Amino acid sequence: MSLRTLAGTAAALGLALGPLQAQAEDPASMASPATVDARCDQAASPRCFVGFELPGAAGRLHYYASLGDVRAPDAGTAPTAALVVMHGHPRDANRSFDAGLRAARAAGRLADTLVVAPLFQVGDADAARCRTRGVPPAEPGDALWTCGGWLAGAPSLGTWPIGAFAALDALIAELHRRWPSLQTVTLAGFSAGAQMLQHSVGFAADPPAGLRLRYVIADPGSWLYFDPVRPQPQRDGQDVAWEACGSGADFPGGCGFAFRAADAAACPGHDRWKYGTADLPALLGRSAAQARARYAAADIGYLEGALDSSSDKGTYYPILDKSCAAMLQGPYRLQRGVAYAAYDRALVSTTRPRPLTVVPGCAHDVACVLPSDAARTALFGAPR
C-alpha cells in the first residue's frame, strides 16, 4: 500500500474500515498466567495488549504478545525466538497478530516463539482514515503518528517526538529486556508494514548484544531503491512491456531485467525519499551510503502473493501507489517485488542474494501470505 509524500499519498491510501470498537476486558482476564498464555496464543484480545514507555519521554507504544501474563513483566516464559508482525496502513495489528500466530502454529513453533504485533497509534482526528475494527484506540500518553507518517519513519507528534524507526528499535530492546532468552527476532511486514520495514533496515539501530535480527518483506506497494536506476523487463536482450512477461505465478515468464537510470525530467522526484535515497530526512541519522551498506549486510527475505499481480478483486489495486515514481518500479506489487529482488541481487547484495518466495493462491491478504506453507522457511528458517 502507498505511503506518504506525505499528505497527498495518504489521501490516496485512505481507508475507512468501519468504526473502531474497543473491547472491554472480561473477568477471564484475571485468570492465572497459564490461562492467559493459552488465550494469547489463540487470537488477539485486550489481555494480550501491553504498552511500554518509549525513550525520551516520547510516550507509550503498545503491542500484542503471545506469551506471558501481559500484566506481569516476569511471567516465567523463555522464548528463544520472536516473530514481530508489522501491521499495514489500516493499522490492523489484531489481524497481523493472528496471522503471525497461525504461521507459528503451522510451523510447530508456538512453544519457543514469541509472536508480537506492535500498533502505531494515530490520534482521533486522523484515525478514521486508517483504522481497523477491534483495535484499541489511542490512550492518553500514547505516542501518536499520522496515518502516513509512521510508514516513512517520520517523527511522532507532540512535544517530545520519536521517529517511527527509532520506536521500532525501542520495541526490540524492550522485548529483549522482558524476555532475555531471545536469540533471534524476525521482523515481518505486510503491505504498508513491509514498506515501513524495508525502509527501516538501513537505518535501524544495532540490536542488543547476542540478539540476531532477520527481516521478511511481504507485498509492499513500493520499494526503497539505493540507486537512480529502475527496472526494464527484457527478453532475449530486448526491451519488452511488463505484460509480455506474464502474470501471477508465471511472472516473470522467462524475462530478465535491465537497470537503467530513469528519466528524471519525465518523473521528477523518483529518486527522492521514500522511493530513493536523495534528500533523506535528517532524523534517520545515516547517509545514503551508510544505509546501503547496512541493507546489503542484513538478513532479509522477500515474499510476494502470486495473485497480487493485477487489478483484480483481492489485490486492493485502488489503494496501490500509482504515482510516477511508484510505476517506474512496475505495474503491480508482484512485479515490483520480483524486479526489486533482481535489482538487489545485481546491485546491492551481490555476495548474499536474498531469497524471493512467491506464495501461490494468495492475493493481497496477510492472513493468506504469512501462514502459508510457502512462507514458512522465510519466517522461521529451515525446518529443524
Protein backbone atom coordinates (compact mmCIF):
# COMPACT_ATOMS: atom_id res chain seq x y z
CA MET A 1 0.00 0.00 0.00
CA SER A 2 1.05 3.52 -0.70
CA LEU A 3 2.86 5.75 1.75
CA ARG A 4 3.10 9.32 2.15
CA THR A 5 4.71 12.15 0.21
CA LEU A 6 3.15 12.94 2.91
CA ALA A 7 -0.37 14.27 2.91
CA GLY A 8 -1.07 13.67 -0.76
CA THR A 9 -0.17 9.99 -0.74
CA ALA A 10 -2.02 9.40 2.49
CA ALA A 11 -5.18 10.58 0.81
CA ALA A 12 -4.67 8.01 -1.93
CA LEU A 13 -4.32 5.42 0.77
CA GLY A 14 -7.38 6.46 2.76
CA LEU A 15 -9.23 3.50 4.19
CA ALA A 16 -12.29 3.57 6.40
CA LEU A 17 -12.95 0.06 7.54
CA GLY A 18 -15.78 0.71 9.97
CA PRO A 19 -15.92 2.10 13.47
CA LEU A 20 -13.24 1.03 15.84
CA GLN A 21 -14.67 -0.89 18.75
CA ALA A 22 -12.73 -1.03 21.99
CA GLN A 23 -13.07 -4.38 23.68
CA ALA A 24 -13.86 -4.45 27.38
CA GLU A 25 -11.75 -6.80 29.43
CA ASP A 26 -13.84 -9.59 30.94
CA PRO A 27 -13.35 -11.47 34.23
CA ALA A 28 -11.42 -14.21 32.43
CA SER A 29 -8.55 -11.74 32.09
CA MET A 30 -7.87 -12.24 35.80
CA ALA A 31 -7.05 -15.91 35.23
CA SER A 32 -3.70 -17.47 36.03
CA PRO A 33 -0.68 -16.82 33.78
CA ALA A 34 -1.06 -20.29 32.25
CA THR A 35 -4.64 -19.49 31.23
CA VAL A 36 -3.57 -16.14 29.85
CA ASP A 37 -0.82 -17.80 27.84
CA ALA A 38 -3.31 -20.19 26.29
CA ARG A 39 -5.65 -17.34 25.41
CA CYS A 40 -2.91 -15.15 23.97
CA ASP A 41 -1.58 -17.79 21.62
CA GLN A 42 -5.05 -18.21 20.10
CA ALA A 43 -6.08 -14.72 18.98
CA ALA A 44 -5.64 -11.02 19.69
CA SER A 45 -7.55 -9.80 22.75
CA PRO A 46 -7.24 -6.96 25.27
CA ARG A 47 -5.50 -9.23 27.77
CA CYS A 48 -2.65 -9.68 25.27
CA PHE A 49 -2.15 -5.94 24.69
CA VAL A 50 0.69 -4.31 26.62
CA GLY A 51 2.50 -0.98 26.45
CA PHE A 52 5.91 0.37 27.39
CA GLU A 53 7.50 3.79 27.66
CA LEU A 54 9.47 4.94 24.65
CA PRO A 55 12.78 6.73 25.27
CA GLY A 56 13.00 10.49 25.57
CA ALA A 57 9.58 10.88 27.20
CA ALA A 58 8.04 10.30 23.75
CA GLY A 59 5.05 8.40 25.11
CA ARG A 60 3.94 4.78 25.10
CA LEU A 61 3.89 2.16 22.36
CA HIS A 62 1.59 -0.86 22.65
CA TYR A 63 1.85 -4.34 21.19
CA TYR A 64 0.08 -7.68 21.24
CA ALA A 65 2.15 -10.52 22.71
CA SER A 66 1.51 -14.25 22.67
CA LEU A 67 3.47 -15.35 25.75
CA GLY A 68 3.23 -14.48 29.41
CA ASP A 69 0.76 -12.59 31.53
CA VAL A 70 0.77 -9.16 29.94
CA ARG A 71 0.38 -7.51 33.35
CA ALA A 72 3.47 -9.21 34.80
CA PRO A 73 6.94 -8.43 33.40
CA ASP A 74 8.34 -11.76 34.64
CA ALA A 75 5.89 -14.47 33.72
CA GLY A 76 8.43 -17.28 33.57
CA THR A 77 8.29 -17.81 29.81
CA ALA A 78 11.56 -18.24 27.94
CA PRO A 79 11.12 -17.99 24.16
CA THR A 80 14.27 -18.20 22.08
CA ALA A 81 12.76 -16.52 19.01
CA ALA A 82 10.30 -13.73 18.34
CA LEU A 83 8.18 -13.05 15.28
CA VAL A 84 7.23 -9.36 15.14
CA VAL A 85 4.50 -8.72 12.57
CA MET A 86 4.17 -5.13 11.42
CA HIS A 87 0.65 -4.03 10.50
CA GLY A 88 -0.50 -2.40 7.28
CA HIS A 89 -1.97 1.03 6.57
CA PRO A 90 -5.30 0.35 8.32
CA ARG A 91 -3.20 -0.43 11.42
CA ASP A 92 -4.69 -3.91 11.59
CA ALA A 93 -2.42 -5.08 14.40
CA ASN A 94 -5.04 -7.62 15.51
CA ARG A 95 -5.21 -9.31 12.10
CA SER A 96 -1.42 -9.13 11.79
CA PHE A 97 -1.02 -10.76 15.20
CA ASP A 98 -3.49 -13.51 14.33
CA ALA A 99 -1.68 -14.19 11.05
CA GLY A 100 1.59 -14.48 12.97
CA LEU A 101 0.02 -16.89 15.44
CA ARG A 102 -1.31 -19.06 12.62
CA ALA A 103 2.09 -19.08 10.95
CA ALA A 104 3.88 -20.08 14.17
CA ARG A 105 1.28 -22.75 14.95
CA ALA A 106 1.54 -24.25 11.46
CA ALA A 107 5.33 -24.34 11.80
CA GLY A 108 5.13 -26.03 15.22
CA ARG A 109 6.94 -23.07 16.75
CA LEU A 110 4.48 -21.58 19.23
CA ALA A 111 6.25 -23.17 22.20
CA ASP A 112 9.54 -21.37 21.60
CA THR A 113 8.44 -18.33 19.58
CA LEU A 114 7.02 -15.11 20.98
CA VAL A 115 4.59 -13.58 18.47
CA VAL A 116 4.27 -9.80 18.66
CA ALA A 117 2.33 -7.19 16.70
CA PRO A 118 3.01 -3.51 17.53
CA LEU A 119 0.43 -0.80 16.99
CA PHE A 120 1.48 2.65 15.82
CA GLN A 121 -1.28 4.82 17.19
CA VAL A 122 -2.98 7.69 15.40
CA GLY A 123 -4.98 10.48 17.04
CA ASP A 124 -8.76 10.52 16.88
CA ALA A 125 -8.88 13.30 14.30
CA ASP A 126 -6.86 11.22 11.81
CA ALA A 127 -7.82 7.68 12.76
CA ALA A 128 -11.00 7.43 10.68
CA ARG A 129 -8.81 7.08 7.57
CA CYS A 130 -6.60 4.28 8.92
CA ARG A 131 -8.36 2.11 11.47
CA THR A 132 -9.50 -1.47 11.85
CA ARG A 133 -12.41 -2.78 13.87
CA GLY A 134 -11.36 -4.24 17.20
CA VAL A 135 -8.03 -2.47 17.52
CA PRO A 136 -7.81 -0.43 20.76
CA PRO A 137 -7.92 3.35 20.32
CA ALA A 138 -5.13 5.61 21.47
CA GLU A 139 -4.89 6.27 25.19
CA PRO A 140 -3.65 9.42 26.94
CA GLY A 141 0.13 9.31 26.97
CA ASP A 142 0.50 7.21 23.80
CA ALA A 143 2.93 8.27 21.10
CA LEU A 144 0.89 9.36 18.06
CA TRP A 145 1.66 9.49 14.35
CA THR A 146 -0.35 10.49 11.31
CA CYS A 147 -1.85 7.79 9.07
CA GLY A 148 1.05 8.17 6.65
CA GLY A 149 3.81 9.35 9.00
CA TRP A 150 4.78 6.10 10.72
CA LEU A 151 5.18 4.43 7.31
CA ALA A 152 8.04 6.76 6.42
CA GLY A 153 9.79 6.64 9.78
CA ALA A 154 8.50 10.16 10.46
CA PRO A 155 8.62 11.62 13.98
CA SER A 156 5.66 11.21 16.27
CA LEU A 157 3.53 14.22 17.09
CA GLY A 158 3.89 16.21 20.27
CA THR A 159 6.49 17.92 22.38
CA TRP A 160 8.96 15.03 22.57
CA PRO A 161 8.83 13.27 19.19
CA ILE A 162 10.48 10.00 18.26
CA GLY A 163 10.96 8.64 14.76
CA ALA A 164 8.94 5.55 13.89
CA PHE A 165 12.10 3.58 13.07
CA ALA A 166 13.57 4.54 16.45
CA ALA A 167 10.33 3.43 18.12
CA LEU A 168 10.72 0.04 16.41
CA ASP A 169 14.30 -0.14 17.70
CA ALA A 170 12.94 0.57 21.19
CA LEU A 171 10.41 -2.25 20.84
CA ILE A 172 13.16 -4.73 20.02
CA ALA A 173 15.14 -3.58 23.05
CA GLU A 174 12.00 -3.88 25.21
CA LEU A 175 11.30 -7.43 24.04
CA HIS A 176 14.89 -8.41 24.83
CA ARG A 177 14.65 -6.82 28.27
CA ARG A 178 11.42 -8.58 29.07
CA TRP A 179 12.37 -11.91 27.50
CA PRO A 180 16.18 -12.10 27.83
CA SER A 181 16.11 -15.67 26.50
CA LEU A 182 15.50 -14.32 22.98
CA GLN A 183 18.24 -15.11 20.49
CA THR A 184 16.55 -14.20 17.18
CA VAL A 185 13.94 -11.61 16.28
CA THR A 186 12.30 -11.87 12.85
CA LEU A 187 10.53 -8.69 11.79
CA ALA A 188 7.88 -9.45 9.18
CA GLY A 189 5.89 -6.72 7.49
CA PHE A 190 2.98 -6.99 5.09
CA SER A 191 1.84 -4.30 2.65
CA ALA A 192 2.43 -0.87 4.23
CA GLY A 193 4.11 -2.62 7.15
CA ALA A 194 6.51 -4.19 4.65
CA GLN A 195 7.23 -0.76 3.22
CA MET A 196 7.99 0.54 6.67
CA LEU A 197 10.33 -2.36 7.47
CA GLN A 198 12.11 -2.33 4.12
CA HIS A 199 12.79 1.37 4.52
CA SER A 200 13.91 0.93 8.13
CA VAL A 201 16.57 -1.75 7.59
CA GLY A 202 19.35 0.62 6.57
CA PHE A 203 18.59 2.99 9.45
CA ALA A 204 17.96 0.51 12.28
CA ALA A 205 19.98 0.64 15.49
CA ASP A 206 22.27 -2.23 16.35
CA PRO A 207 20.28 -4.87 18.25
CA PRO A 208 21.08 -5.73 21.88
CA ALA A 209 24.18 -7.88 22.28
CA GLY A 210 23.55 -11.52 21.46
CA LEU A 211 20.35 -10.83 19.51
CA ARG A 212 20.12 -11.58 15.80
CA LEU A 213 17.70 -9.68 13.55
CA ARG A 214 16.01 -11.07 10.46
CA TYR A 215 13.61 -9.29 8.10
CA VAL A 216 10.78 -10.63 5.93
CA ILE A 217 9.32 -8.11 3.47
CA ALA A 218 5.93 -9.18 2.07
CA ASP A 219 3.93 -7.46 -0.68
CA PRO A 220 4.88 -3.79 -0.20
CA GLY A 221 3.34 -1.28 -2.54
CA SER A 222 6.66 0.37 -3.35
CA TRP A 223 10.34 -0.09 -2.53
CA LEU A 224 13.36 1.93 -1.44
CA TYR A 225 16.00 1.88 -4.20
CA PHE A 226 19.58 2.84 -3.42
CA ASP A 227 20.37 3.96 -6.99
CA PRO A 228 18.57 6.16 -9.53
CA VAL A 229 18.13 3.12 -11.81
CA ARG A 230 14.79 1.39 -12.30
CA PRO A 231 13.85 -1.97 -13.86
CA GLN A 232 13.19 -2.55 -17.56
CA PRO A 233 11.87 -6.02 -18.47
CA GLN A 234 13.81 -7.74 -21.24
CA ARG A 235 13.53 -10.93 -23.23
CA ASP A 236 16.50 -12.20 -25.26
CA GLY A 237 18.26 -8.93 -24.60
CA GLN A 238 15.45 -6.79 -25.98
CA ASP A 239 13.19 -4.45 -24.04
CA VAL A 240 9.61 -5.70 -23.67
CA ALA A 241 6.48 -4.44 -21.94
CA TRP A 242 5.69 -5.76 -18.46
CA GLU A 243 2.64 -7.58 -19.82
CA ALA A 244 4.87 -9.62 -22.13
CA CYS A 245 6.38 -11.35 -19.11
CA GLY A 246 3.17 -12.99 -17.89
CA SER A 247 1.41 -12.51 -14.59
CA GLY A 248 0.70 -14.37 -11.38
CA ALA A 249 2.88 -17.39 -10.66
CA ASP A 250 4.06 -17.27 -14.31
CA PHE A 251 5.80 -13.92 -13.86
CA PRO A 252 8.48 -13.12 -14.98
CA GLY A 253 7.87 -15.74 -17.67
CA GLY A 254 11.46 -16.01 -18.84
CA CYS A 255 12.07 -12.27 -18.75
CA GLY A 256 15.06 -10.66 -17.12
CA PHE A 257 15.66 -7.05 -16.15
CA ALA A 258 17.99 -4.29 -17.19
CA PHE A 259 18.53 -1.49 -14.67
CA ARG A 260 18.91 1.97 -16.14
CA ALA A 261 18.82 5.49 -14.82
CA ALA A 262 15.27 6.77 -15.06
CA ASP A 263 14.42 9.97 -16.88
CA ALA A 264 14.37 12.47 -14.03
CA ALA A 265 12.73 15.12 -16.21
CA ALA A 266 9.84 12.80 -17.07
CA CYS A 267 9.39 11.67 -13.48
CA PRO A 268 10.65 14.35 -11.07
CA GLY A 269 11.41 13.12 -7.59
CA HIS A 270 11.51 9.43 -8.49
CA ASP A 271 14.77 9.05 -6.56
CA ARG A 272 13.77 11.10 -3.53
CA TRP A 273 12.83 9.54 -0.19
CA LYS A 274 10.64 7.30 0.08
CA TYR A 275 11.36 5.85 -3.38
CA GLY A 276 15.10 6.58 -3.29
CA THR A 277 17.82 7.94 -1.05
CA ALA A 278 18.03 11.52 -2.30
CA ASP A 279 17.01 14.12 0.29
CA LEU A 280 16.99 11.72 3.23
CA PRO A 281 15.28 13.11 6.35
CA ALA A 282 17.95 14.20 8.83
CA LEU A 283 16.34 12.32 11.72
CA LEU A 284 17.21 8.99 10.05
CA GLY A 285 20.77 9.61 11.17
CA ARG A 286 22.67 7.90 8.33
CA SER A 287 23.88 8.80 4.88
CA ALA A 288 22.66 7.04 1.77
CA ALA A 289 25.95 5.13 1.52
CA GLN A 290 25.75 4.01 5.14
CA ALA A 291 22.14 2.89 4.74
CA ARG A 292 23.00 0.95 1.61
CA ALA A 293 25.84 -0.87 3.35
CA ARG A 294 23.59 -1.77 6.29
CA TYR A 295 20.90 -3.03 3.94
CA ALA A 296 23.40 -5.12 1.99
CA ALA A 297 24.61 -6.80 5.19
CA ALA A 298 21.17 -7.52 6.69
CA ASP A 299 19.39 -10.89 6.77
CA ILE A 300 16.38 -10.30 4.51
CA GLY A 301 13.85 -12.49 2.71
CA TYR A 302 11.11 -11.42 0.32
CA LEU A 303 7.55 -12.76 -0.01
CA GLU A 304 5.05 -11.96 -2.75
CA GLY A 305 1.50 -13.21 -3.26
CA ALA A 306 1.26 -14.81 -6.71
CA LEU A 307 -2.14 -13.23 -7.33
CA ASP A 308 -1.08 -9.75 -6.18
CA SER A 309 -0.26 -9.03 -9.80
CA SER A 310 -3.26 -7.36 -11.41
CA SER A 311 -6.16 -5.01 -10.72
CA ASP A 312 -8.47 -7.93 -9.91
CA LYS A 313 -10.54 -8.22 -6.74
CA GLY A 314 -8.41 -9.08 -3.74
CA THR A 315 -5.39 -7.05 -4.82
CA TYR A 316 -6.66 -3.75 -3.35
CA TYR A 317 -5.49 -2.12 -6.54
CA PRO A 318 -7.41 1.14 -5.89
CA ILE A 319 -5.07 1.90 -2.97
CA LEU A 320 -1.87 0.78 -4.69
CA ASP A 321 0.57 3.66 -5.13
CA LYS A 322 0.27 4.64 -8.78
CA SER A 323 2.42 7.76 -8.69
CA CYS A 324 5.02 8.16 -11.42
CA ALA A 325 7.80 7.16 -9.03
CA ALA A 326 5.98 4.01 -7.99
CA MET A 327 5.00 2.99 -11.52
CA LEU A 328 8.66 3.11 -12.54
CA GLN A 329 9.09 0.11 -10.22
CA GLY A 330 6.44 -1.97 -12.03
CA PRO A 331 2.66 -2.03 -12.56
CA TYR A 332 1.61 -4.26 -9.61
CA ARG A 333 3.01 -5.49 -6.31
CA LEU A 334 4.26 -8.88 -7.50
CA GLN A 335 6.02 -7.36 -10.49
CA ARG A 336 7.58 -4.69 -8.31
CA GLY A 337 8.79 -7.28 -5.82
CA VAL A 338 10.29 -9.62 -8.42
CA ALA A 339 12.04 -6.69 -10.08
CA TYR A 340 13.36 -5.41 -6.76
CA ALA A 341 14.75 -8.82 -5.82
CA ALA A 342 16.57 -8.85 -9.17
CA TYR A 343 17.90 -5.33 -8.51
CA ASP A 344 19.05 -6.40 -5.05
CA ARG A 345 20.96 -9.38 -6.48
CA ALA A 346 22.51 -7.33 -9.25
CA LEU A 347 23.49 -4.12 -7.49
CA VAL A 348 23.10 -4.24 -3.70
CA SER A 349 23.64 -7.59 -2.01
CA THR A 350 25.74 -9.18 -4.72
CA THR A 351 27.54 -11.66 -2.45
CA ARG A 352 24.50 -12.89 -0.48
CA PRO A 353 21.41 -12.99 -2.67
CA ARG A 354 18.12 -12.77 -0.76
CA PRO A 355 15.53 -15.47 -1.33
CA LEU A 356 12.28 -14.43 -3.01
CA THR A 357 9.30 -16.71 -2.37
CA VAL A 358 6.15 -16.35 -4.46
CA VAL A 359 3.19 -17.65 -2.45
CA PRO A 360 0.70 -19.50 -4.66
CA GLY A 361 -3.01 -18.78 -4.34
CA CYS A 362 -2.62 -15.52 -2.40
CA ALA A 363 -3.52 -12.01 -3.47
CA HIS A 364 -3.10 -9.06 -1.09
CA ASP A 365 -4.02 -10.74 2.21
CA VAL A 366 -1.78 -11.08 5.26
CA ALA A 367 -3.97 -13.94 6.52
CA CYS A 368 -3.15 -15.89 3.35
CA VAL A 369 0.52 -14.99 2.81
CA LEU A 370 2.15 -15.27 6.23
CA PRO A 371 0.55 -18.54 7.44
CA SER A 372 1.18 -20.29 4.10
CA ASP A 373 3.43 -23.31 3.77
CA ALA A 374 5.48 -21.40 1.21
CA ALA A 375 6.31 -18.62 3.69
CA ARG A 376 7.44 -20.94 6.49
CA THR A 377 11.15 -21.02 5.76
CA ALA A 378 11.31 -17.26 5.29
CA LEU A 379 9.63 -16.68 8.66
CA PHE A 380 11.20 -19.43 10.76
CA GLY A 381 14.27 -20.66 8.91
CA ALA A 382 14.95 -24.14 7.65
CA PRO A 383 12.93 -26.92 9.35
CA ARG A 384 14.55 -28.32 12.45
